[in-house]
C-alpha atoms as a PDB file:
ATOM      1  CA  MET A   1      -6.787  -3.938   7.861  1.00  0.00           C
ATOM      2  CA  ASP A   2      -8.758  -6.615   6.747  1.00  0.00           C
ATOM      3  CA  SER A   3      -6.369  -9.555   6.434  1.00  0.00           C
ATOM      4  CA  LYS A   4      -9.137 -11.804   5.499  1.00  0.00           C
ATOM      5  CA  THR A   5      -9.692 -10.250   2.167  1.00  0.00           C
ATOM      6  CA  VAL A   6      -6.167  -9.328   1.589  1.00  0.00           C
ATOM      7  CA  THR A   7      -5.748 -13.351   1.960  1.00  0.00           C
ATOM      8  CA  GLU A   8      -8.667 -13.737  -0.440  1.00  0.00           C
ATOM      9  CA  VAL A   9      -7.360 -11.218  -3.253  1.00  0.00           C
ATOM     10  CA  ALA A  10      -3.769 -12.862  -3.113  1.00  0.00           C
ATOM     11  CA  ALA A  11      -5.435 -16.154  -3.636  1.00  0.00           C
ATOM     12  CA  LYS A  12      -7.588 -14.859  -6.554  1.00  0.00           C
ATOM     13  CA  SER A  13      -4.520 -13.353  -8.051  1.00  0.00           C
ATOM     14  CA  HIS A  14      -1.989 -16.113  -8.263  1.00  0.00           C
ATOM     15  CA  ALA A  15      -5.266 -18.305  -9.788  1.00  0.00           C
ATOM     16  CA  GLY A  16      -5.893 -15.628 -12.307  1.00  0.00           C
ATOM     17  CA  THR A  17      -9.349 -15.065 -11.437  1.00  0.00           C
ATOM     18  CA  ILE A  18      -9.192 -11.381 -10.856  1.00  0.00           C
ATOM     19  CA  SER A  19      -8.266  -8.128 -12.750  1.00  0.00           C
ATOM     20  CA  PHE A  20      -5.489  -5.775 -11.458  1.00  0.00           C
ATOM     21  CA  PRO A  21      -8.019  -3.275 -11.076  1.00  0.00           C
ATOM     22  CA  ASP A  22     -10.235  -4.840  -9.129  1.00  0.00           C
ATOM     23  CA  GLY A  23      -7.610  -6.609  -6.888  1.00  0.00           C
ATOM     24  CA  VAL A  24      -6.012  -2.983  -6.100  1.00  0.00           C
ATOM     25  CA  ALA A  25      -9.762  -1.875  -5.277  1.00  0.00           C
ATOM     26  CA  GLN A  26     -10.556  -4.142  -2.822  1.00  0.00           C
ATOM     27  CA  LEU A  27      -7.074  -4.328  -1.129  1.00  0.00           C
ATOM     28  CA  LEU A  28      -7.338  -0.366  -0.793  1.00  0.00           C
ATOM     29  CA  GLU A  29     -10.955  -1.072   0.551  1.00  0.00           C
ATOM     30  CA  ALA A  30      -9.213  -3.575   2.861  1.00  0.00           C
ATOM     31  CA  SER A  31      -6.481  -1.497   4.388  1.00  0.00           C
ATOM     32  CA  ARG A  32      -9.150   1.937   4.941  1.00  0.00           C
ATOM     33  CA  SER A  33      -9.551   0.465   8.577  1.00  0.00           C
ATOM     34  CA  ALA A  34      -6.093   0.581   9.454  1.00  0.00           C
ATOM     35  CA  THR A  35      -5.954   4.078   8.049  1.00  0.00           C
ATOM     36  CA  SER A  36      -4.101   6.429  10.737  1.00  0.00           C
ATOM     37  CA  PRO A  37      -5.896   9.628  12.136  1.00  0.00           C
ATOM     38  CA  PHE A  38      -2.928  11.474  11.231  1.00  0.00           C
ATOM     39  CA  CYS A  39      -1.883  12.542   7.877  1.00  0.00           C
ATOM     40  CA  ALA A  40       1.700  10.926   6.570  1.00  0.00           C
ATOM     41  CA  GLU A  41       4.634  13.174   4.662  1.00  0.00           C
ATOM     42  CA  SER A  42       6.304  10.488   2.808  1.00  0.00           C
ATOM     43  CA  VAL A  43       5.466   7.103   1.569  1.00  0.00           C
ATOM     44  CA  THR A  44       8.364   4.369   1.649  1.00  0.00           C
ATOM     45  CA  TYR A  45       8.781   1.572  -1.069  1.00  0.00           C
ATOM     46  CA  LEU A  46      10.420  -1.376   0.291  1.00  0.00           C
ATOM     47  CA  GLY A  47      12.021  -3.624  -2.491  1.00  0.00           C
ATOM     48  CA  ARG A  48      12.264  -7.739  -2.784  1.00  0.00           C
ATOM     49  CA  GLN A  49      15.981  -7.478  -1.306  1.00  0.00           C
ATOM     50  CA  GLY A  50      15.487  -5.242   1.333  1.00  0.00           C
ATOM     51  CA  ASP A  51      16.179  -2.175  -0.715  1.00  0.00           C
ATOM     52  CA  GLN A  52      13.846   1.111   0.250  1.00  0.00           C
ATOM     53  CA  HIS A  53      12.959   4.202  -1.207  1.00  0.00           C
ATOM     54  CA  VAL A  54      11.264   7.265   0.084  1.00  0.00           C
ATOM     55  CA  GLU A  55       9.104   9.457  -1.814  1.00  0.00           C
ATOM     56  CA  TRP A  56       8.109  12.990   0.099  1.00  0.00           C
ATOM     57  CA  PHE A  57       4.625  14.755  -0.281  1.00  0.00           C
ATOM     58  CA  PRO A  58       5.286  18.140  -1.751  1.00  0.00           C
ATOM     59  CA  GLY A  59       6.029  20.785   0.803  1.00  0.00           C
ATOM     60  CA  ALA A  60       7.104  17.935   3.252  1.00  0.00           C
ATOM     61  CA  GLY A  61      10.685  16.340   3.619  1.00  0.00           C
ATOM     62  CA  PRO A  62      14.038  17.157   5.092  1.00  0.00           C
ATOM     63  CA  SER A  63      15.222  20.923   5.033  1.00  0.00           C
ATOM     64  CA  PRO A  64      17.869  21.293   2.904  1.00  0.00           C
ATOM     65  CA  ASP A  65      20.512  22.500   5.456  1.00  0.00           C
END
């Protein structure tokens, strides 16, 4: 992860000098260096109050026992 880019995008966002699509594109590019060599089966969304939600990709997930 390119933390310098993340910090810069956050500052631009707070200042209102970057559009949402441009900010997302820059953050995605900055995160590519941290991509794992395996394919994830799910995405976990974390909320501000500590809540979390897991979305499973098609064909993945816990088996319905």
